[in-house]
Amino acid sequence: MSEEGWTLMRPLVFDFADDAEALKQESEYMFGYKYLVCPVLEAGISTMRVYLPVNEGGWEDFRTGEVLEGGRYHDVPVSLEDIPVFVRI
């Protein structure tokens, strides 16, 4: 990856430039090619609305294994121990 000039952590615009909703996301980022990280920035919440960019195979919730559709928002559980991380399928 770095040999090709890509950064390890990068904004969604790098990978999903054609997804207008992905471009609006200010805190979500890609970690490498496969992992979408959604930091929790609000104290005391138990669910968080995350956007999963358009991706043909969908996204797998790293914590639960559940496969979610891309190109839409999802409400996912969060806690001090778990932040939302999704794997590009």
N, C-alpha and C. Protein backbone atom coordinates (compact mmCIF):
# COMPACT_ATOMS: atom_id res chain seq x y z
N MET A 1 0.83 -1.18 0.00
CA MET A 1 0.00 0.00 0.00
C MET A 1 0.88 1.25 0.00
N SER A 2 1.76 1.37 0.97
CA SER A 2 2.60 2.57 1.02
C SER A 2 3.55 2.63 -0.17
N GLU A 3 3.89 1.45 -0.72
CA GLU A 3 4.74 1.43 -1.91
C GLU A 3 4.04 2.07 -3.11
N GLU A 4 2.70 2.07 -3.07
CA GLU A 4 1.91 2.63 -4.17
C GLU A 4 1.50 4.07 -3.90
N GLY A 5 1.96 4.66 -2.78
CA GLY A 5 1.65 6.04 -2.48
C GLY A 5 0.38 6.26 -1.68
N TRP A 6 -0.23 5.19 -1.14
CA TRP A 6 -1.45 5.31 -0.34
C TRP A 6 -1.08 5.45 1.13
N THR A 7 -1.89 6.20 1.85
CA THR A 7 -1.70 6.30 3.30
C THR A 7 -2.44 5.16 3.98
N LEU A 8 -2.00 4.78 5.16
CA LEU A 8 -2.65 3.70 5.89
C LEU A 8 -4.03 4.15 6.40
N MET A 9 -4.11 5.37 6.92
CA MET A 9 -5.38 5.94 7.38
C MET A 9 -5.74 7.08 6.44
N ARG A 10 -6.99 7.07 5.95
CA ARG A 10 -7.37 8.10 5.00
C ARG A 10 -8.87 8.37 5.02
N PRO A 11 -9.28 9.57 4.61
CA PRO A 11 -10.70 9.90 4.57
C PRO A 11 -11.42 9.09 3.49
N LEU A 12 -12.72 8.97 3.63
CA LEU A 12 -13.51 8.17 2.69
C LEU A 12 -13.42 8.67 1.26
N VAL A 13 -13.16 9.95 1.07
CA VAL A 13 -13.09 10.50 -0.28
C VAL A 13 -12.02 9.80 -1.12
N PHE A 14 -10.98 9.29 -0.50
CA PHE A 14 -9.92 8.61 -1.24
C PHE A 14 -10.43 7.33 -1.90
N ASP A 15 -11.30 6.60 -1.20
CA ASP A 15 -11.77 5.32 -1.70
C ASP A 15 -13.16 5.38 -2.34
N PHE A 16 -13.94 6.39 -1.99
CA PHE A 16 -15.33 6.45 -2.45
C PHE A 16 -15.67 7.82 -3.02
N ALA A 17 -14.85 8.30 -3.92
CA ALA A 17 -15.01 9.64 -4.48
C ALA A 17 -16.34 9.82 -5.23
N ASP A 18 -16.94 8.74 -5.71
CA ASP A 18 -18.20 8.84 -6.45
C ASP A 18 -19.43 8.69 -5.56
N ASP A 19 -19.24 8.52 -4.27
CA ASP A 19 -20.35 8.34 -3.34
C ASP A 19 -20.55 9.67 -2.59
N ALA A 20 -21.53 10.44 -3.02
CA ALA A 20 -21.76 11.79 -2.48
C ALA A 20 -21.97 11.78 -0.97
N GLU A 21 -22.66 10.77 -0.45
CA GLU A 21 -22.92 10.71 0.99
C GLU A 21 -21.63 10.39 1.77
N ALA A 22 -20.78 9.59 1.19
CA ALA A 22 -19.49 9.27 1.84
C ALA A 22 -18.65 10.54 1.99
N LEU A 23 -18.76 11.44 1.04
CA LEU A 23 -17.97 12.67 1.09
C LEU A 23 -18.39 13.59 2.24
N LYS A 24 -19.60 13.38 2.77
CA LYS A 24 -20.10 14.21 3.87
C LYS A 24 -19.59 13.74 5.24
N GLN A 25 -19.02 12.56 5.31
CA GLN A 25 -18.60 11.99 6.59
C GLN A 25 -17.32 12.65 7.08
N GLU A 26 -17.37 13.22 8.27
CA GLU A 26 -16.23 13.97 8.78
C GLU A 26 -15.33 13.16 9.70
N SER A 27 -15.85 12.11 10.33
CA SER A 27 -15.01 11.38 11.29
C SER A 27 -14.70 9.94 10.87
N GLU A 28 -15.51 9.35 10.01
CA GLU A 28 -15.24 7.99 9.56
C GLU A 28 -13.99 8.00 8.68
N TYR A 29 -13.23 6.92 8.75
CA TYR A 29 -12.03 6.83 7.92
C TYR A 29 -11.72 5.38 7.57
N MET A 30 -10.97 5.20 6.53
CA MET A 30 -10.50 3.88 6.14
C MET A 30 -9.16 3.62 6.82
N PHE A 31 -8.98 2.40 7.30
CA PHE A 31 -7.71 1.95 7.83
C PHE A 31 -7.26 0.83 6.90
N GLY A 32 -6.33 1.17 6.02
CA GLY A 32 -5.97 0.24 4.96
C GLY A 32 -7.10 0.17 3.95
N TYR A 33 -7.09 -0.84 3.13
CA TYR A 33 -8.10 -0.98 2.08
C TYR A 33 -9.41 -1.55 2.63
N LYS A 34 -9.34 -2.38 3.67
CA LYS A 34 -10.49 -3.17 4.09
C LYS A 34 -11.30 -2.64 5.25
N TYR A 35 -10.72 -1.85 6.14
CA TYR A 35 -11.39 -1.51 7.39
C TYR A 35 -11.92 -0.08 7.40
N LEU A 36 -13.21 0.04 7.72
CA LEU A 36 -13.86 1.33 7.89
C LEU A 36 -14.06 1.54 9.39
N VAL A 37 -13.46 2.59 9.93
CA VAL A 37 -13.52 2.87 11.36
C VAL A 37 -14.44 4.07 11.59
N CYS A 38 -15.32 3.94 12.57
CA CYS A 38 -16.29 4.99 12.89
C CYS A 38 -16.08 5.41 14.35
N PRO A 39 -15.21 6.38 14.60
CA PRO A 39 -14.94 6.79 15.99
C PRO A 39 -16.19 7.33 16.67
N VAL A 40 -16.31 7.04 17.95
CA VAL A 40 -17.41 7.55 18.76
C VAL A 40 -16.95 8.88 19.35
N LEU A 41 -17.65 9.95 19.01
CA LEU A 41 -17.24 11.28 19.42
C LEU A 41 -18.20 11.93 20.41
N GLU A 42 -19.24 11.20 20.78
CA GLU A 42 -20.25 11.75 21.69
C GLU A 42 -20.31 10.91 22.96
N ALA A 43 -20.24 11.53 24.10
CA ALA A 43 -20.25 10.81 25.38
C ALA A 43 -21.65 10.28 25.70
N GLY A 44 -21.68 9.12 26.35
CA GLY A 44 -22.91 8.60 26.90
C GLY A 44 -23.90 7.99 25.92
N ILE A 45 -23.52 7.74 24.69
CA ILE A 45 -24.46 7.16 23.74
C ILE A 45 -24.34 5.64 23.73
N SER A 46 -25.43 4.97 23.36
CA SER A 46 -25.41 3.51 23.26
C SER A 46 -25.61 3.03 21.82
N THR A 47 -26.06 3.93 20.95
CA THR A 47 -26.14 3.62 19.52
C THR A 47 -25.61 4.82 18.74
N MET A 48 -25.16 4.53 17.56
CA MET A 48 -24.61 5.59 16.71
C MET A 48 -25.01 5.33 15.27
N ARG A 49 -25.32 6.40 14.58
CA ARG A 49 -25.68 6.29 13.16
C ARG A 49 -24.40 6.39 12.34
N VAL A 50 -24.13 5.36 11.53
CA VAL A 50 -22.92 5.34 10.70
C VAL A 50 -23.33 5.19 9.24
N TYR A 51 -22.52 5.74 8.37
CA TYR A 51 -22.76 5.58 6.94
C TYR A 51 -21.77 4.57 6.40
N LEU A 52 -22.28 3.58 5.69
CA LEU A 52 -21.43 2.61 5.01
C LEU A 52 -21.48 2.92 3.52
N PRO A 53 -20.36 3.27 2.93
CA PRO A 53 -20.34 3.66 1.52
C PRO A 53 -20.79 2.53 0.59
N VAL A 54 -21.15 2.92 -0.61
CA VAL A 54 -21.53 1.97 -1.63
C VAL A 54 -20.37 1.01 -1.84
N ASN A 55 -20.66 -0.28 -1.72
CA ASN A 55 -19.66 -1.33 -1.90
C ASN A 55 -20.41 -2.57 -2.35
N GLU A 56 -20.07 -3.09 -3.50
CA GLU A 56 -20.83 -4.18 -4.11
C GLU A 56 -21.07 -5.36 -3.17
N GLY A 57 -20.06 -5.76 -2.42
CA GLY A 57 -20.20 -6.92 -1.54
C GLY A 57 -20.78 -6.60 -0.18
N GLY A 58 -20.97 -5.32 0.13
CA GLY A 58 -21.47 -4.92 1.44
C GLY A 58 -20.33 -4.78 2.43
N TRP A 59 -20.70 -4.73 3.71
CA TRP A 59 -19.75 -4.53 4.80
C TRP A 59 -20.06 -5.52 5.91
N GLU A 60 -19.03 -6.11 6.50
CA GLU A 60 -19.20 -7.00 7.63
C GLU A 60 -18.85 -6.26 8.92
N ASP A 61 -19.75 -6.31 9.90
CA ASP A 61 -19.47 -5.72 11.20
C ASP A 61 -18.37 -6.56 11.84
N PHE A 62 -17.24 -5.95 12.11
CA PHE A 62 -16.08 -6.64 12.66
C PHE A 62 -16.39 -7.31 13.99
N ARG A 63 -17.29 -6.71 14.76
CA ARG A 63 -17.59 -7.22 16.09
C ARG A 63 -18.57 -8.37 16.08
N THR A 64 -19.56 -8.33 15.18
CA THR A 64 -20.65 -9.31 15.21
C THR A 64 -20.66 -10.28 14.03
N GLY A 65 -19.99 -9.91 12.94
CA GLY A 65 -20.02 -10.74 11.74
C GLY A 65 -21.22 -10.48 10.86
N GLU A 66 -22.13 -9.61 11.31
CA GLU A 66 -23.33 -9.29 10.52
C GLU A 66 -22.92 -8.55 9.25
N VAL A 67 -23.53 -8.93 8.13
CA VAL A 67 -23.26 -8.26 6.86
C VAL A 67 -24.32 -7.19 6.64
N LEU A 68 -23.85 -5.97 6.37
CA LEU A 68 -24.73 -4.83 6.17
C LEU A 68 -24.56 -4.27 4.77
N GLU A 69 -25.63 -3.72 4.25
CA GLU A 69 -25.64 -3.15 2.91
C GLU A 69 -24.93 -1.80 2.90
N GLY A 70 -24.17 -1.55 1.85
CA GLY A 70 -23.52 -0.26 1.68
C GLY A 70 -24.46 0.73 0.99
N GLY A 71 -24.07 2.00 1.00
CA GLY A 71 -24.87 3.02 0.36
C GLY A 71 -26.01 3.51 1.23
N ARG A 72 -25.93 3.25 2.53
CA ARG A 72 -27.00 3.69 3.43
C ARG A 72 -26.48 3.83 4.85
N TYR A 73 -27.29 4.47 5.69
CA TYR A 73 -26.97 4.65 7.10
C TYR A 73 -27.49 3.46 7.91
N HIS A 74 -26.79 3.16 9.00
CA HIS A 74 -27.19 2.09 9.92
C HIS A 74 -27.02 2.60 11.34
N ASP A 75 -27.94 2.23 12.22
CA ASP A 75 -27.80 2.51 13.65
C ASP A 75 -27.16 1.29 14.28
N VAL A 76 -25.99 1.50 14.89
CA VAL A 76 -25.24 0.38 15.45
C VAL A 76 -24.96 0.64 16.93
N PRO A 77 -24.87 -0.43 17.73
CA PRO A 77 -24.57 -0.25 19.16
C PRO A 77 -23.11 0.17 19.36
N VAL A 78 -22.88 0.99 20.39
CA VAL A 78 -21.53 1.40 20.76
C VAL A 78 -21.40 1.35 22.27
N SER A 79 -20.17 1.24 22.73
CA SER A 79 -19.89 1.28 24.16
C SER A 79 -18.46 1.76 24.34
N LEU A 80 -18.05 1.90 25.59
CA LEU A 80 -16.67 2.31 25.86
C LEU A 80 -15.68 1.27 25.34
N GLU A 81 -16.09 0.02 25.30
CA GLU A 81 -15.21 -1.06 24.88
C GLU A 81 -15.23 -1.31 23.37
N ASP A 82 -16.29 -0.92 22.69
CA ASP A 82 -16.45 -1.25 21.27
C ASP A 82 -16.80 -0.03 20.44
N ILE A 83 -15.97 0.23 19.44
CA ILE A 83 -16.33 1.24 18.45
C ILE A 83 -16.67 0.51 17.16
N PRO A 84 -17.51 1.08 16.33
CA PRO A 84 -17.89 0.43 15.09
C PRO A 84 -16.70 0.35 14.11
N VAL A 85 -16.43 -0.88 13.68
CA VAL A 85 -15.44 -1.14 12.64
C VAL A 85 -16.09 -2.11 11.67
N PHE A 86 -15.96 -1.82 10.38
CA PHE A 86 -16.57 -2.64 9.35
C PHE A 86 -15.52 -3.09 8.36
N VAL A 87 -15.71 -4.30 7.84
CA VAL A 87 -14.76 -4.89 6.90
C VAL A 87 -15.38 -4.88 5.51
N ARG A 88 -14.65 -4.34 4.55
CA ARG A 88 -15.11 -4.33 3.16
C ARG A 88 -15.10 -5.76 2.63
N ILE A 89 -16.25 -6.20 2.10
CA ILE A 89 -16.36 -7.55 1.56
C ILE A 89 -16.11 -7.52 0.05
